[in-house]
Every structure is written in structure tokens, then in C-alpha cells.
């Protein structure tokens, strides 16, 4: 368990995608599921400063995220969570 936490922290520091859920033993409860807001902060701040969700419309965020998903190699499930966060908070 400690190995996976350390690995996830190292991945964040290196700017790599982080698994959605840390591995866990049968007798342990789930440790961490990243929210759309956290995924946005992790993925988008790798290359530039974060933008406020209110700076764009829902349609603009969708277009931007489609483009950045390819450039930043963001997995589809994470991209959906990020887009949901941006559109719900714009």
C-alpha cells in the first residue's frame, strides 16, 4: 500500500497522470478517488496557470478539453470528470 501512495506522489511531482484509485488490500477501504477539480489542477497546471471555470462557456470548455486531452494525454475517464467540473462551475 505504501508503495502505491509513494508511486502516485512521484507521478504527480513528475506531471504524469495519476491512477483514479490507489491499490488496496481486501481488508482495507478505498483510499482516494480524485475529483474533477483535483484532476484539473493536476493535469492543467503542468504547463500553464489554471483558468477559472467562469472564464469560458460550457461549449468553449468542451472544445478546449478535447484539444488538451490529446496534447496532455489525459485519459477519457479523467477528461469527463474535468469537463463536468468545468461546466458545472462556469
PDB file of N, CA and C in Angstrom:
ATOM      1  N   UNK A   1       0.827  -1.191   0.000  1.00  0.00           N
ATOM      2  CA  UNK A   1       0.000   0.000   0.000  1.00  0.00           C
ATOM      3  C   UNK A   1       0.868   1.251   0.000  1.00  0.00           C
ATOM      4  N   UNK A   2       1.895   1.257   0.836  1.00  0.00           N
ATOM      5  CA  UNK A   2       2.778   2.425   0.899  1.00  0.00           C
ATOM      6  C   UNK A   2       3.456   2.658  -0.446  1.00  0.00           C
ATOM      7  N   UNK A   3       3.777   1.563  -1.142  1.00  0.00           N
ATOM      8  CA  UNK A   3       4.428   1.676  -2.442  1.00  0.00           C
ATOM      9  C   UNK A   3       3.550   2.456  -3.415  1.00  0.00           C
ATOM     10  N   UNK A   4       2.256   2.147  -3.440  1.00  0.00           N
ATOM     11  CA  UNK A   4       1.352   2.804  -4.388  1.00  0.00           C
ATOM     12  C   UNK A   4       1.143   4.277  -4.049  1.00  0.00           C
ATOM     13  N   UNK A   5       1.107   4.613  -2.770  1.00  0.00           N
ATOM     14  CA  UNK A   5       0.985   6.016  -2.379  1.00  0.00           C
ATOM     15  C   UNK A   5       2.227   6.783  -2.824  1.00  0.00           C
ATOM     16  N   UNK A   6       3.399   6.202  -2.582  1.00  0.00           N
ATOM     17  CA  UNK A   6       4.660   6.837  -2.973  1.00  0.00           C
ATOM     18  C   UNK A   6       4.728   6.983  -4.491  1.00  0.00           C
ATOM     19  N   UNK A   7       4.319   5.947  -5.194  1.00  0.00           N
ATOM     20  CA  UNK A   7       4.320   5.993  -6.656  1.00  0.00           C
ATOM     21  C   UNK A   7       3.398   7.093  -7.164  1.00  0.00           C
ATOM     22  N   UNK A   8       2.208   7.206  -6.580  1.00  0.00           N
ATOM     23  CA  UNK A   8       1.261   8.245  -7.007  1.00  0.00           C
ATOM     24  C   UNK A   8       1.807   9.637  -6.747  1.00  0.00           C
ATOM     25  N   UNK A   9       2.420   9.835  -5.594  1.00  0.00           N
ATOM     26  CA  UNK A   9       3.008  11.138  -5.266  1.00  0.00           C
ATOM     27  C   UNK A   9       4.120  11.473  -6.254  1.00  0.00           C
ATOM     28  N   UNK A  10       4.962  10.500  -6.558  1.00  0.00           N
ATOM     29  CA  UNK A  10       6.052  10.720  -7.516  1.00  0.00           C
ATOM     30  C   UNK A  10       5.493  11.054  -8.900  1.00  0.00           C
ATOM     31  N   UNK A  11       4.414  10.392  -9.282  1.00  0.00           N
ATOM     32  CA  UNK A  11       3.803  10.663 -10.587  1.00  0.00           C
ATOM     33  C   UNK A  11       3.270  12.086 -10.645  1.00  0.00           C
ATOM     34  N   UNK A  12       2.649  12.545  -9.553  1.00  0.00           N
ATOM     35  CA  UNK A  12       2.140  13.916  -9.514  1.00  0.00           C
ATOM     36  C   UNK A  12       3.294  14.899  -9.645  1.00  0.00           C
ATOM     37  N   UNK A  13       4.371  14.670  -8.909  1.00  0.00           N
ATOM     38  CA  UNK A  13       5.520  15.572  -8.942  1.00  0.00           C
ATOM     39  C   UNK A  13       6.170  15.603 -10.323  1.00  0.00           C
ATOM     40  N   UNK A  14       6.122  14.491 -11.035  1.00  0.00           N
ATOM     41  CA  UNK A  14       6.704  14.431 -12.377  1.00  0.00           C
ATOM     42  C   UNK A  14       5.731  14.891 -13.449  1.00  0.00           C
ATOM     43  N   UNK A  15       4.478  15.193 -13.046  1.00  0.00           N
ATOM     44  CA  UNK A  15       3.495  15.674 -14.004  1.00  0.00           C
ATOM     45  C   UNK A  15       2.866  14.577 -14.835  1.00  0.00           C
ATOM     46  N   UNK A  16       2.841  13.363 -14.316  1.00  0.00           N
ATOM     47  CA  UNK A  16       2.247  12.247 -15.044  1.00  0.00           C
ATOM     48  C   UNK A  16       0.826  12.010 -14.559  1.00  0.00           C
ATOM     49  N   UNK A  17       0.036  11.336 -15.361  1.00  0.00           N
ATOM     50  CA  UNK A  17      -1.329  11.006 -14.960  1.00  0.00           C
ATOM     51  C   UNK A  17      -1.300  10.090 -13.746  1.00  0.00           C
ATOM     52  N   UNK A  18      -2.238  10.320 -12.837  1.00  0.00           N
ATOM     53  CA  UNK A  18      -2.319   9.543 -11.603  1.00  0.00           C
ATOM     54  C   UNK A  18      -3.491   8.574 -11.726  1.00  0.00           C
ATOM     55  N   UNK A  19      -3.301   7.314 -11.291  1.00  0.00           N
ATOM     56  CA  UNK A  19      -4.415   6.369 -11.333  1.00  0.00           C
ATOM     57  C   UNK A  19      -5.605   6.898 -10.541  1.00  0.00           C
ATOM     58  N   UNK A  20      -6.820   6.564 -10.965  1.00  0.00           N
ATOM     59  CA  UNK A  20      -8.024   7.067 -10.308  1.00  0.00           C
ATOM     60  C   UNK A  20      -8.156   6.562  -8.872  1.00  0.00           C
ATOM     61  N   UNK A  21      -7.779   5.331  -8.604  1.00  0.00           N
ATOM     62  CA  UNK A  21      -7.892   4.774  -7.253  1.00  0.00           C
ATOM     63  C   UNK A  21      -6.582   4.080  -6.919  1.00  0.00           C
ATOM     64  N   UNK A  22      -6.070   4.351  -5.723  1.00  0.00           N
ATOM     65  CA  UNK A  22      -4.873   3.651  -5.289  1.00  0.00           C
ATOM     66  C   UNK A  22      -5.217   2.197  -5.016  1.00  0.00           C
ATOM     67  N   UNK A  23      -4.250   1.321  -5.250  1.00  0.00           N
ATOM     68  CA  UNK A  23      -4.467  -0.101  -4.996  1.00  0.00           C
ATOM     69  C   UNK A  23      -4.707  -0.315  -3.511  1.00  0.00           C
ATOM     70  N   UNK A  24      -5.444  -1.370  -3.206  1.00  0.00           N
ATOM     71  CA  UNK A  24      -5.801  -1.613  -1.820  1.00  0.00           C
ATOM     72  C   UNK A  24      -5.922  -3.105  -1.559  1.00  0.00           C
ATOM     73  N   UNK A  25      -5.690  -3.487  -0.321  1.00  0.00           N
ATOM     74  CA  UNK A  25      -5.864  -4.870   0.089  1.00  0.00           C
ATOM     75  C   UNK A  25      -7.341  -5.112   0.386  1.00  0.00           C
ATOM     76  N   UNK A  26      -7.740  -6.383   0.464  1.00  0.00           N
ATOM     77  CA  UNK A  26      -9.144  -6.707   0.699  1.00  0.00           C
ATOM     78  C   UNK A  26      -9.655  -6.150   2.021  1.00  0.00           C
ATOM     79  N   UNK A  27      -8.826  -6.139   3.039  1.00  0.00           N
ATOM     80  CA  UNK A  27      -9.277  -5.708   4.362  1.00  0.00           C
ATOM     81  C   UNK A  27      -9.215  -4.192   4.549  1.00  0.00           C
ATOM     82  N   UNK A  28      -8.838  -3.455   3.527  1.00  0.00           N
ATOM     83  CA  UNK A  28      -8.747  -2.001   3.643  1.00  0.00           C
ATOM     84  C   UNK A  28      -9.810  -1.333   2.780  1.00  0.00           C
ATOM     85  N   UNK A  29     -10.297  -0.187   3.244  1.00  0.00           N
ATOM     86  CA  UNK A  29     -11.289   0.559   2.481  1.00  0.00           C
ATOM     87  C   UNK A  29     -10.592   1.383   1.399  1.00  0.00           C
ATOM     88  N   UNK A  30     -11.323   1.853   0.383  1.00  0.00           N
ATOM     89  CA  UNK A  30     -10.711   2.676  -0.672  1.00  0.00           C
ATOM     90  C   UNK A  30     -10.028   3.904  -0.076  1.00  0.00           C
ATOM     91  N   UNK A  31      -8.890   4.249  -0.635  1.00  0.00           N
ATOM     92  CA  UNK A  31      -8.091   5.338  -0.082  1.00  0.00           C
ATOM     93  C   UNK A  31      -8.415   6.674  -0.729  1.00  0.00           C
ATOM     94  N   UNK A  32      -8.392   6.749  -2.052  1.00  0.00           N
ATOM     95  CA  UNK A  32      -8.504   8.051  -2.692  1.00  0.00           C
ATOM     96  C   UNK A  32      -9.080   7.928  -4.104  1.00  0.00           C
ATOM     97  N   UNK A  33     -10.100   8.717  -4.381  1.00  0.00           N
ATOM     98  CA  UNK A  33     -10.632   8.865  -5.726  1.00  0.00           C
ATOM     99  C   UNK A  33     -10.538  10.351  -6.042  1.00  0.00           C
ATOM    100  N   UNK A  34      -9.879  10.685  -7.123  1.00  0.00           N
ATOM    101  CA  UNK A  34      -9.664  12.091  -7.459  1.00  0.00           C
ATOM    102  C   UNK A  34     -10.915  12.708  -8.075  1.00  0.00           C
ATOM    103  N   UNK A  35     -11.227  13.932  -7.677  1.00  0.00           N
ATOM    104  CA  UNK A  35     -12.376  14.654  -8.208  1.00  0.00           C
ATOM    105  C   UNK A  35     -11.986  15.357  -9.508  1.00  0.00           C
ATOM    106  N   UNK A  36     -12.984  15.869 -10.206  1.00  0.00           N
ATOM    107  CA  UNK A  36     -12.726  16.629 -11.425  1.00  0.00           C
ATOM    108  C   UNK A  36     -11.870  17.850 -11.146  1.00  0.00           C
ATOM    109  N   UNK A  37     -12.112  18.499 -10.025  1.00  0.00           N
ATOM    110  CA  UNK A  37     -11.335  19.681  -9.655  1.00  0.00           C
ATOM    111  C   UNK A  37      -9.872  19.322  -9.413  1.00  0.00           C
ATOM    112  N   UNK A  38      -9.639  18.216  -8.714  1.00  0.00           N
ATOM    113  CA  UNK A  38      -8.259  17.785  -8.452  1.00  0.00           C
ATOM    114  C   UNK A  38      -7.559  17.376  -9.743  1.00  0.00           C
ATOM    115  N   UNK A  39      -8.270  16.662 -10.599  1.00  0.00           N
ATOM    116  CA  UNK A  39      -7.687  16.253 -11.878  1.00  0.00           C
ATOM    117  C   UNK A  39      -7.361  17.461 -12.742  1.00  0.00           C
ATOM    118  N   UNK A  40      -8.238  18.456 -12.710  1.00  0.00           N
ATOM    119  CA  UNK A  40      -7.994  19.700 -13.447  1.00  0.00           C
ATOM    120  C   UNK A  40      -6.717  20.365 -12.945  1.00  0.00           C
ATOM    121  N   UNK A  41      -6.586  20.461 -11.632  1.00  0.00           N
ATOM    122  CA  UNK A  41      -5.401  21.096 -11.052  1.00  0.00           C
ATOM    123  C   UNK A  41      -4.129  20.322 -11.399  1.00  0.00           C
ATOM    124  N   UNK A  42      -4.190  19.015 -11.326  1.00  0.00           N
ATOM    125  CA  UNK A  42      -3.005  18.181 -11.598  1.00  0.00           C
ATOM    126  C   UNK A  42      -2.600  18.268 -13.069  1.00  0.00           C
ATOM    127  N   UNK A  43      -3.559  18.068 -13.960  1.00  0.00           N
ATOM    128  CA  UNK A  43      -3.238  17.994 -15.388  1.00  0.00           C
ATOM    129  C   UNK A  43      -2.961  19.344 -16.024  1.00  0.00           C
ATOM    130  N   UNK A  44      -3.737  20.355 -15.685  1.00  0.00           N
ATOM    131  CA  UNK A  44      -3.640  21.630 -16.396  1.00  0.00           C
ATOM    132  C   UNK A  44      -2.509  22.518 -15.892  1.00  0.00           C
ATOM    133  N   UNK A  45      -2.166  22.379 -14.627  1.00  0.00           N
ATOM    134  CA  UNK A  45      -1.101  23.229 -14.086  1.00  0.00           C
ATOM    135  C   UNK A  45       0.290  22.709 -14.435  1.00  0.00           C
ATOM    136  N   UNK A  46       0.356  21.601 -15.137  1.00  0.00           N
ATOM    137  CA  UNK A  46       1.666  21.088 -15.568  1.00  0.00           C
ATOM    138  C   UNK A  46       2.333  22.039 -16.547  1.00  0.00           C
ATOM    139  N   UNK A  47       1.523  22.680 -17.398  1.00  0.00           N
ATOM    140  CA  UNK A  47       2.085  23.507 -18.462  1.00  0.00           C
ATOM    141  C   UNK A  47       1.751  24.990 -18.350  1.00  0.00           C
ATOM    142  N   UNK A  48       0.679  25.327 -17.694  1.00  0.00           N
ATOM    143  CA  UNK A  48       0.279  26.737 -17.611  1.00  0.00           C
ATOM    144  C   UNK A  48      -0.542  26.976 -16.352  1.00  0.00           C
ATOM    145  N   UNK A  49      -0.782  28.235 -16.060  1.00  0.00           N
ATOM    146  CA  UNK A  49      -1.576  28.564 -14.879  1.00  0.00           C
ATOM    147  C   UNK A  49      -3.023  28.142 -15.116  1.00  0.00           C
ATOM    148  N   UNK A  50      -3.675  27.781 -14.026  1.00  0.00           N
ATOM    149  CA  UNK A  50      -5.068  27.357 -14.128  1.00  0.00           C
ATOM    150  C   UNK A  50      -5.962  28.535 -14.476  1.00  0.00           C
ATOM    151  N   UNK A  51      -7.007  28.252 -15.214  1.00  0.00           N
ATOM    152  CA  UNK A  51      -8.013  29.244 -15.550  1.00  0.00           C
ATOM    153  C   UNK A  51      -9.223  28.993 -14.665  1.00  0.00           C
ATOM    154  N   UNK A  52      -9.954  30.040 -14.361  1.00  0.00           N
ATOM    155  CA  UNK A  52     -11.178  29.879 -13.581  1.00  0.00           C
ATOM    156  C   UNK A  52     -12.255  29.271 -14.471  1.00  0.00           C
ATOM    157  N   UNK A  53     -13.074  28.374 -13.933  1.00  0.00           N
ATOM    158  CA  UNK A  53     -14.150  27.791 -14.742  1.00  0.00           C
ATOM    159  C   UNK A  53     -15.097  28.843 -15.316  1.00  0.00           C
ATOM    160  N   UNK A  54     -15.210  29.982 -14.650  1.00  0.00           N
ATOM    161  CA  UNK A  54     -16.127  31.029 -15.109  1.00  0.00           C
ATOM    162  C   UNK A  54     -15.599  31.816 -16.311  1.00  0.00           C
ATOM    163  N   UNK A  55     -14.362  31.577 -16.715  1.00  0.00           N
ATOM    164  CA  UNK A  55     -13.773  32.323 -17.828  1.00  0.00           C
ATOM    165  C   UNK A  55     -14.255  31.850 -19.197  1.00  0.00           C
ATOM    166  N   UNK A  56     -14.908  30.704 -19.264  1.00  0.00           N
ATOM    167  CA  UNK A  56     -15.352  30.149 -20.537  1.00  0.00           C
ATOM    168  C   UNK A  56     -16.778  29.619 -20.400  1.00  0.00           C
ATOM    169  N   UNK A  57     -17.443  29.466 -21.540  1.00  0.00           N
ATOM    170  CA  UNK A  57     -18.763  28.846 -21.553  1.00  0.00           C
ATOM    171  C   UNK A  57     -18.606  27.322 -21.570  1.00  0.00           C
ATOM    172  N   UNK A  58     -19.705  26.625 -21.356  1.00  0.00           N
ATOM    173  CA  UNK A  58     -19.660  25.155 -21.386  1.00  0.00           C
ATOM    174  C   UNK A  58     -19.162  24.636 -22.731  1.00  0.00           C
ATOM    175  N   UNK A  59     -19.627  25.250 -23.813  1.00  0.00           N
ATOM    176  CA  UNK A  59     -19.200  24.828 -25.154  1.00  0.00           C
ATOM    177  C   UNK A  59     -17.708  25.092 -25.370  1.00  0.00           C
ATOM    178  N   UNK A  60     -17.224  26.229 -24.888  1.00  0.00           N
ATOM    179  CA  UNK A  60     -15.803  26.541 -25.027  1.00  0.00           C
ATOM    180  C   UNK A  60     -14.948  25.552 -24.238  1.00  0.00           C
ATOM    181  N   UNK A  61     -15.384  25.214 -23.019  1.00  0.00           N
ATOM    182  CA  UNK A  61     -14.618  24.257 -22.215  1.00  0.00           C
ATOM    183  C   UNK A  61     -14.568  22.897 -22.912  1.00  0.00           C
ATOM    184  N   UNK A  62     -15.668  22.510 -23.537  1.00  0.00           N
ATOM    185  CA  UNK A  62     -15.695  21.220 -24.236  1.00  0.00           C
ATOM    186  C   UNK A  62     -14.677  21.201 -25.372  1.00  0.00           C
ATOM    187  N   UNK A  63     -14.632  22.268 -26.156  1.00  0.00           N
ATOM    188  CA  UNK A  63     -13.677  22.358 -27.262  1.00  0.00           C
ATOM    189  C   UNK A  63     -12.239  22.371 -26.747  1.00  0.00           C
ATOM    190  N   UNK A  64     -11.991  23.170 -25.723  1.00  0.00           N
ATOM    191  CA  UNK A  64     -10.638  23.266 -25.155  1.00  0.00           C
ATOM    192  C   UNK A  64     -10.199  21.921 -24.596  1.00  0.00           C
ATOM    193  N   UNK A  65     -11.093  21.252 -23.885  1.00  0.00           N
ATOM    194  CA  UNK A  65     -10.732  19.977 -23.270  1.00  0.00           C
ATOM    195  C   UNK A  65     -10.472  18.905 -24.316  1.00  0.00           C
ATOM    196  N   UNK A  66     -11.242  18.897 -25.412  1.00  0.00           N
ATOM    197  CA  UNK A  66     -10.981  17.926 -26.486  1.00  0.00           C
ATOM    198  C   UNK A  66      -9.568  18.124 -27.035  1.00  0.00           C
ATOM    199  N   UNK A  67      -9.174  19.367 -27.229  1.00  0.00           N
ATOM    200  CA  UNK A  67      -7.838  19.676 -27.744  1.00  0.00           C
ATOM    201  C   UNK A  67      -6.763  19.300 -26.723  1.00  0.00           C
ATOM    202  N   UNK A  68      -6.956  19.727 -25.487  1.00  0.00           N
ATOM    203  CA  UNK A  68      -5.939  19.491 -24.461  1.00  0.00           C
ATOM    204  C   UNK A  68      -5.851  18.023 -24.046  1.00  0.00           C
ATOM    205  N   UNK A  69      -6.935  17.287 -24.200  1.00  0.00           N
ATOM    206  CA  UNK A  69      -6.892  15.861 -23.876  1.00  0.00           C
ATOM    207  C   UNK A  69      -5.858  15.165 -24.746  1.00  0.00           C
ATOM    208  N   UNK A  70      -5.817  15.541 -26.018  1.00  0.00           N
ATOM    209  CA  UNK A  70      -4.840  14.958 -26.937  1.00  0.00           C
ATOM    210  C   UNK A  70      -3.435  15.442 -26.599  1.00  0.00           C
ATOM    211  N   UNK A  71      -3.282  16.756 -26.417  1.00  0.00           N
ATOM    212  CA  UNK A  71      -1.950  17.321 -26.145  1.00  0.00           C
ATOM    213  C   UNK A  71      -1.362  16.833 -24.830  1.00  0.00           C
ATOM    214  N   UNK A  72      -2.194  16.740 -23.793  1.00  0.00           N
ATOM    215  CA  UNK A  72      -1.715  16.371 -22.460  1.00  0.00           C
ATOM    216  C   UNK A  72      -1.867  14.881 -22.167  1.00  0.00           C
ATOM    217  N   UNK A  73      -2.404  14.129 -23.132  1.00  0.00           N
ATOM    218  CA  UNK A  73      -2.575  12.683 -22.972  1.00  0.00           C
ATOM    219  C   UNK A  73      -3.406  12.354 -21.720  1.00  0.00           C
ATOM    220  N   UNK A  74      -4.557  12.993 -21.600  1.00  0.00           N
ATOM    221  CA  UNK A  74      -5.448  12.783 -20.458  1.00  0.00           C
ATOM    222  C   UNK A  74      -6.397  11.637 -20.789  1.00  0.00           C
ATOM    223  N   UNK A  75      -6.485  10.627 -19.926  1.00  0.00           N
ATOM    224  CA  UNK A  75      -7.406   9.509 -20.181  1.00  0.00           C
ATOM    225  C   UNK A  75      -8.861   9.978 -20.262  1.00  0.00           C
ATOM    226  N   UNK A  76      -9.675   9.247 -21.015  1.00  0.00           N
ATOM    227  CA  UNK A  76     -11.064   9.635 -21.251  1.00  0.00           C
ATOM    228  C   UNK A  76     -11.863   9.793 -19.964  1.00  0.00           C
ATOM    229  N   UNK A  77     -11.707   8.866 -19.019  1.00  0.00           N
ATOM    230  CA  UNK A  77     -12.481   8.951 -17.784  1.00  0.00           C
ATOM    231  C   UNK A  77     -12.107  10.191 -16.974  1.00  0.00           C
ATOM    232  N   UNK A  78     -10.834  10.557 -16.973  1.00  0.00           N
ATOM    233  CA  UNK A  78     -10.409  11.764 -16.274  1.00  0.00           C
ATOM    234  C   UNK A  78     -10.902  13.009 -17.005  1.00  0.00           C
ATOM    235  N   UNK A  79     -10.870  12.994 -18.328  1.00  0.00           N
ATOM    236  CA  UNK A  79     -11.329  14.139 -19.118  1.00  0.00           C
ATOM    237  C   UNK A  79     -12.812  14.408 -18.863  1.00  0.00           C
ATOM    238  N   UNK A  80     -13.604  13.342 -18.741  1.00  0.00           N
ATOM    239  CA  UNK A  80     -15.033  13.506 -18.458  1.00  0.00           C
ATOM    240  C   UNK A  80     -15.253  14.181 -17.100  1.00  0.00           C
ATOM    241  N   UNK A  81     -14.482  13.762 -16.104  1.00  0.00           N
ATOM    242  CA  UNK A  81     -14.612  14.373 -14.777  1.00  0.00           C
ATOM    243  C   UNK A  81     -14.186  15.842 -14.796  1.00  0.00           C
ATOM    244  N   UNK A  82     -13.114  16.129 -15.509  1.00  0.00           N
ATOM    245  CA  UNK A  82     -12.628  17.515 -15.605  1.00  0.00           C
ATOM    246  C   UNK A  82     -13.678  18.378 -16.302  1.00  0.00           C
ATOM    247  N   UNK A  83     -14.211  17.896 -17.431  1.00  0.00           N
ATOM    248  CA  UNK A  83     -15.217  18.659 -18.165  1.00  0.00           C
ATOM    249  C   UNK A  83     -16.461  18.885 -17.321  1.00  0.00           C
ATOM    250  N   UNK A  84     -16.890  17.882 -16.606  1.00  0.00           N
ATOM    251  CA  UNK A  84     -18.061  18.021 -15.735  1.00  0.00           C
ATOM    252  C   UNK A  84     -17.810  19.110 -14.689  1.00  0.00           C
ATOM    253  N   UNK A  85     -16.628  19.098 -14.075  1.00  0.00           N
ATOM    254  CA  UNK A  85     -16.277  20.127 -13.081  1.00  0.00           C
ATOM    255  C   UNK A  85     -16.315  21.515 -13.708  1.00  0.00           C
ATOM    256  N   UNK A  86     -15.702  21.672 -14.863  1.00  0.00           N
ATOM    257  CA  UNK A  86     -15.642  22.986 -15.514  1.00  0.00           C
ATOM    258  C   UNK A  86     -17.020  23.486 -15.918  1.00  0.00           C
ATOM    259  N   UNK A  87     -17.825  22.597 -16.481  1.00  0.00           N
ATOM    260  CA  UNK A  87     -19.156  23.021 -16.931  1.00  0.00           C
ATOM    261  C   UNK A  87     -20.115  23.297 -15.774  1.00  0.00           C
ATOM    262  N   UNK A  88     -19.978  22.568 -14.686  1.00  0.00           N
ATOM    263  CA  UNK A  88     -20.847  22.802 -13.537  1.00  0.00           C
ATOM    264  C   UNK A  88     -20.475  24.064 -12.783  1.00  0.00           C
ATOM    265  N   UNK A  89     -19.249  24.539 -12.967  1.00  0.00           N
ATOM    266  CA  UNK A  89     -18.778  25.701 -12.206  1.00  0.00           C
ATOM    267  C   UNK A  89     -18.532  26.925 -13.069  1.00  0.00           C
ATOM    268  N   UNK A  90     -19.002  26.923 -14.327  1.00  0.00           N
ATOM    269  CA  UNK A  90     -18.765  28.099 -15.168  1.00  0.00           C
ATOM    270  C   UNK A  90     -19.841  29.138 -15.026  1.00  0.00           C
TER     271      UNK A  90
END
